[in-house]
Amino acid sequence: MNRTSEPLSLAGTPAASPLGYYSWTFGQAARDPLYIMVIIYIFFPYFSNVVVGDPVRGQTLIGYLNAGAGAFMALTIPFMGAIADKIGKRKPWIFGSHILMVLIAIALWWILPAGSTAGVGIELGFGLLLILLIAFGYAEVFHNAMLPAVTPVDKAGIVSGLAFSLGNMCAIGLLVFVLIAFALPGTLDWSFLPEAPLFGIDKQLHEHDRIVGPLGGLWLLLAS
């Protein structure tokens, strides 16, 4: 009697194929650039300093954003996880979270500097950013929950580390693109820079800051 041995996952079930568990890493590569550009480096500081117009009040609102999103996720994720475990499918939750993130990321373009007569105000902008944080948290939890079931025991560290690396590499690539295409033209006389920001981006209106939302959303949509 011939027996074939299949590698077991961390969950004790047969692991996915290499294509399956390496494809899992691209979920983080798709999601992390939006978080890194919007929340860590560019849009949150823009919201705090330019949209709110008062750095102290702005930082206070950022603190409320993080605290509110963290509290909401702490209260709801255990129940969402229990539902997902009972249903047995996590991809629909990830898909729904990603679609919500894409829509909000595009809407960030209309969060304009303080004093603008059009666009989204501080209150609605705060709400959009709060939902974005929560949607990212849901996507991250359900995506990470797939790892034990798809990855062989002896490759879990490699696959997890690769996902983290890909997420940061893609974010760095997009940040460099934003610098070269939008932020630096017109400020530095470097031969490889365009003479003016691409696509008619107006830095006086902080469009080079606001563009990271739609850009990150487009990347998430294409890379998911």
Protein backbone atom coordinates (compact mmCIF):
# COMPACT_ATOMS: atom_id res chain seq x y z
CA MET A 1 0.00 0.00 0.00
CA ASN A 2 1.51 3.31 -1.08
CA ARG A 3 1.21 6.25 1.25
CA THR A 4 1.96 9.84 0.43
CA SER A 5 2.80 12.28 3.15
CA GLU A 6 1.44 15.79 2.88
CA PRO A 7 2.98 18.58 4.94
CA LEU A 8 0.78 19.57 7.83
CA SER A 9 -0.19 23.12 8.65
CA LEU A 10 0.03 24.73 12.07
CA ALA A 11 -3.65 23.83 12.46
CA GLY A 12 -2.87 20.14 11.99
CA THR A 13 -4.61 19.92 8.62
CA PRO A 14 -2.92 19.43 5.22
CA ALA A 15 -1.16 22.64 4.25
CA ALA A 16 -1.86 24.53 1.07
CA SER A 17 0.37 24.23 -1.97
CA PRO A 18 3.37 26.58 -2.28
CA LEU A 19 1.29 28.70 -4.65
CA GLY A 20 -1.40 28.90 -1.99
CA TYR A 21 0.70 29.94 0.97
CA TYR A 22 2.97 32.25 -0.99
CA SER A 23 -0.13 33.89 -2.50
CA TRP A 24 -1.20 34.56 1.09
CA THR A 25 1.78 36.90 1.45
CA PHE A 26 0.42 39.20 -1.25
CA GLY A 27 -2.57 40.02 0.92
CA GLN A 28 -0.27 41.93 3.25
CA ALA A 29 1.69 43.37 0.33
CA ALA A 30 -1.58 44.78 -1.00
CA ARG A 31 -2.87 46.12 2.32
CA ASP A 32 0.16 47.54 4.14
CA PRO A 33 1.10 50.37 1.72
CA LEU A 34 -2.25 52.08 2.29
CA TYR A 35 -1.78 51.90 6.05
CA ILE A 36 1.84 53.06 5.91
CA MET A 37 1.20 56.00 3.58
CA VAL A 38 -2.08 57.17 5.10
CA ILE A 39 -1.79 56.42 8.79
CA ILE A 40 1.92 56.44 9.55
CA TYR A 41 3.69 58.88 7.24
CA ILE A 42 1.60 61.23 5.13
CA PHE A 43 -2.16 61.57 5.55
CA PHE A 44 -2.53 61.50 9.33
CA PRO A 45 0.08 64.29 9.73
CA TYR A 46 -1.68 66.21 6.94
CA PHE A 47 -5.03 65.79 8.70
CA SER A 48 -3.59 66.84 12.04
CA ASN A 49 -1.61 69.87 10.90
CA VAL A 50 -3.37 71.13 7.77
CA VAL A 51 -6.99 69.98 7.87
CA VAL A 52 -7.51 70.61 11.57
CA GLY A 53 -5.17 73.59 11.40
CA ASP A 54 -4.04 73.24 15.02
CA PRO A 55 -1.31 70.63 15.63
CA VAL A 56 -2.24 70.23 19.31
CA ARG A 57 -5.93 69.69 18.61
CA GLY A 58 -4.98 67.59 15.60
CA GLN A 59 -2.84 65.24 17.66
CA THR A 60 -5.65 64.99 20.19
CA LEU A 61 -8.04 63.90 17.44
CA ILE A 62 -5.49 61.39 16.15
CA GLY A 63 -5.31 59.97 19.66
CA TYR A 64 -9.10 59.69 19.77
CA LEU A 65 -9.03 57.97 16.38
CA ASN A 66 -6.58 55.31 17.51
CA ALA A 67 -8.28 54.81 20.86
CA GLY A 68 -11.76 54.63 19.34
CA ALA A 69 -10.76 52.17 16.64
CA GLY A 70 -8.84 50.04 19.12
CA ALA A 71 -11.74 49.92 21.58
CA PHE A 72 -14.26 49.08 18.86
CA MET A 73 -12.11 46.27 17.48
CA ALA A 74 -11.42 44.88 20.95
CA LEU A 75 -15.17 44.66 21.58
CA THR A 76 -16.21 43.27 18.21
CA ILE A 77 -13.40 41.16 16.76
CA PRO A 78 -13.90 38.21 19.17
CA PHE A 79 -17.51 37.93 17.98
CA MET A 80 -16.53 38.37 14.34
CA GLY A 81 -13.88 35.69 14.76
CA ALA A 82 -16.39 33.30 16.31
CA ILE A 83 -18.77 33.87 13.40
CA ALA A 84 -15.98 33.31 10.88
CA ASP A 85 -14.89 30.11 12.66
CA LYS A 86 -18.43 28.79 12.60
CA ILE A 87 -18.93 29.63 8.93
CA GLY A 88 -15.42 28.44 8.09
CA LYS A 89 -14.73 31.13 5.50
CA ARG A 90 -12.51 34.14 6.09
CA LYS A 91 -11.98 35.41 2.56
CA PRO A 92 -15.43 37.08 2.33
CA TRP A 93 -14.61 39.12 5.45
CA ILE A 94 -11.25 40.12 3.98
CA PHE A 95 -12.86 41.00 0.64
CA GLY A 96 -15.52 43.14 2.31
CA SER A 97 -12.94 44.94 4.45
CA HIS A 98 -10.75 45.61 1.42
CA ILE A 99 -13.64 47.03 -0.62
CA LEU A 100 -14.55 49.35 2.25
CA MET A 101 -10.92 50.44 2.57
CA VAL A 102 -10.70 51.19 -1.16
CA LEU A 103 -13.86 53.33 -1.10
CA ILE A 104 -12.72 55.31 1.93
CA ALA A 105 -9.20 55.71 0.55
CA ILE A 106 -10.62 57.31 -2.59
CA ALA A 107 -12.85 59.57 -0.47
CA LEU A 108 -9.79 60.90 1.39
CA TRP A 109 -9.05 63.04 -1.68
CA TRP A 110 -11.94 65.30 -0.67
CA ILE A 111 -10.64 66.00 2.84
CA LEU A 112 -9.38 69.50 2.08
CA PRO A 113 -7.17 71.93 4.04
CA ALA A 114 -8.66 74.12 6.75
CA GLY A 115 -10.55 77.10 5.36
CA SER A 116 -11.70 75.35 2.18
CA THR A 117 -15.28 76.06 1.22
CA ALA A 118 -15.85 72.67 -0.41
CA GLY A 119 -14.89 69.10 0.34
CA VAL A 120 -15.25 67.01 3.47
CA GLY A 121 -15.18 68.70 6.89
CA ILE A 122 -13.20 67.69 9.94
CA GLU A 123 -16.04 65.71 11.51
CA LEU A 124 -16.80 63.61 8.43
CA GLY A 125 -13.08 63.23 7.74
CA PHE A 126 -12.60 61.96 11.29
CA GLY A 127 -15.40 59.44 10.72
CA LEU A 128 -13.90 58.22 7.45
CA LEU A 129 -10.48 57.73 9.02
CA LEU A 130 -12.04 55.91 11.97
CA ILE A 131 -13.83 53.47 9.66
CA LEU A 132 -10.62 53.02 7.66
CA LEU A 133 -8.73 52.04 10.81
CA ILE A 134 -11.43 49.56 11.81
CA ALA A 135 -11.64 48.04 8.32
CA PHE A 136 -7.87 47.63 8.25
CA GLY A 137 -7.96 45.95 11.65
CA TYR A 138 -10.65 43.49 10.52
CA ALA A 139 -8.77 42.69 7.31
CA GLU A 140 -5.54 42.14 9.24
CA VAL A 141 -7.14 39.85 11.82
CA PHE A 142 -8.93 37.64 9.30
CA HIS A 143 -5.92 37.54 6.98
CA ASN A 144 -3.57 36.54 9.80
CA ALA A 145 -6.08 33.91 10.95
CA MET A 146 -5.59 32.11 7.63
CA LEU A 147 -1.86 31.56 8.19
CA PRO A 148 -2.07 28.52 10.52
CA ALA A 149 -4.33 26.68 8.08
CA VAL A 150 -2.38 27.30 4.87
CA THR A 151 1.29 27.22 5.83
CA PRO A 152 3.41 24.14 6.58
CA VAL A 153 4.77 24.05 10.11
CA ASP A 154 8.38 24.35 8.97
CA LYS A 155 7.68 27.36 6.71
CA ALA A 156 5.44 29.46 8.93
CA GLY A 157 8.21 31.85 9.94
CA ILE A 158 9.48 32.25 6.38
CA VAL A 159 6.02 32.89 4.95
CA SER A 160 5.08 35.34 7.71
CA GLY A 161 8.38 37.20 7.36
CA LEU A 162 8.04 37.33 3.59
CA ALA A 163 4.58 38.87 3.91
CA PHE A 164 5.92 41.54 6.27
CA SER A 165 8.85 42.26 3.95
CA LEU A 166 6.69 42.49 0.83
CA GLY A 167 4.30 44.86 2.56
CA ASN A 168 7.10 47.23 3.52
CA MET A 169 8.88 46.94 0.16
CA CYS A 170 5.71 47.84 -1.73
CA ALA A 171 5.07 50.74 0.64
CA ILE A 172 8.60 52.08 0.14
CA GLY A 173 8.18 51.82 -3.63
CA LEU A 174 4.94 53.81 -3.53
CA LEU A 175 6.41 56.40 -1.16
CA VAL A 176 9.35 56.91 -3.54
CA PHE A 177 6.89 57.28 -6.42
CA VAL A 178 4.94 59.94 -4.49
CA LEU A 179 8.16 61.83 -3.80
CA ILE A 180 9.41 61.72 -7.38
CA ALA A 181 6.08 62.25 -9.11
CA PHE A 182 4.33 64.73 -6.81
CA ALA A 183 6.24 66.06 -3.80
CA LEU A 184 9.73 66.96 -5.06
CA PRO A 185 9.13 68.42 -8.57
CA GLY A 186 9.48 72.19 -8.47
CA THR A 187 11.44 72.13 -5.22
CA LEU A 188 14.71 70.44 -6.27
CA ASP A 189 16.68 70.81 -9.49
CA TRP A 190 17.45 67.14 -10.03
CA SER A 191 17.67 65.84 -13.58
CA PHE A 192 15.45 62.81 -12.99
CA LEU A 193 12.60 64.84 -11.50
CA PRO A 194 9.74 66.16 -13.65
CA GLU A 195 9.62 69.93 -14.00
CA ALA A 196 6.21 69.98 -12.33
CA PRO A 197 4.14 67.45 -10.38
CA LEU A 198 2.54 64.85 -12.62
CA PHE A 199 -1.17 64.90 -13.51
CA GLY A 200 -1.43 68.59 -12.65
CA ILE A 201 -1.16 67.98 -8.90
CA ASP A 202 -1.36 71.30 -7.03
CA LYS A 203 0.89 71.35 -3.98
CA GLN A 204 -0.68 74.58 -2.75
CA LEU A 205 -3.86 72.57 -2.16
CA HIS A 206 -1.85 69.73 -0.61
CA GLU A 207 -2.90 67.41 -3.40
CA HIS A 208 0.46 65.64 -3.10
CA ASP A 209 -0.61 64.67 0.43
CA ARG A 210 -4.19 63.82 -0.45
CA ILE A 211 -3.24 61.65 -3.44
CA VAL A 212 -1.86 58.91 -1.18
CA GLY A 213 -5.41 57.82 -0.32
CA PRO A 214 -6.56 57.09 -3.89
CA LEU A 215 -3.10 55.76 -4.78
CA GLY A 216 -3.09 53.33 -1.85
CA GLY A 217 -6.67 52.33 -2.61
CA LEU A 218 -5.85 51.65 -6.25
CA TRP A 219 -2.85 49.55 -5.23
CA LEU A 220 -4.99 47.57 -2.79
CA LEU A 221 -7.60 46.95 -5.48
CA LEU A 222 -5.08 45.82 -8.09
CA ALA A 223 -2.85 43.75 -5.81
CA SER A 224 -5.54 41.92 -3.81
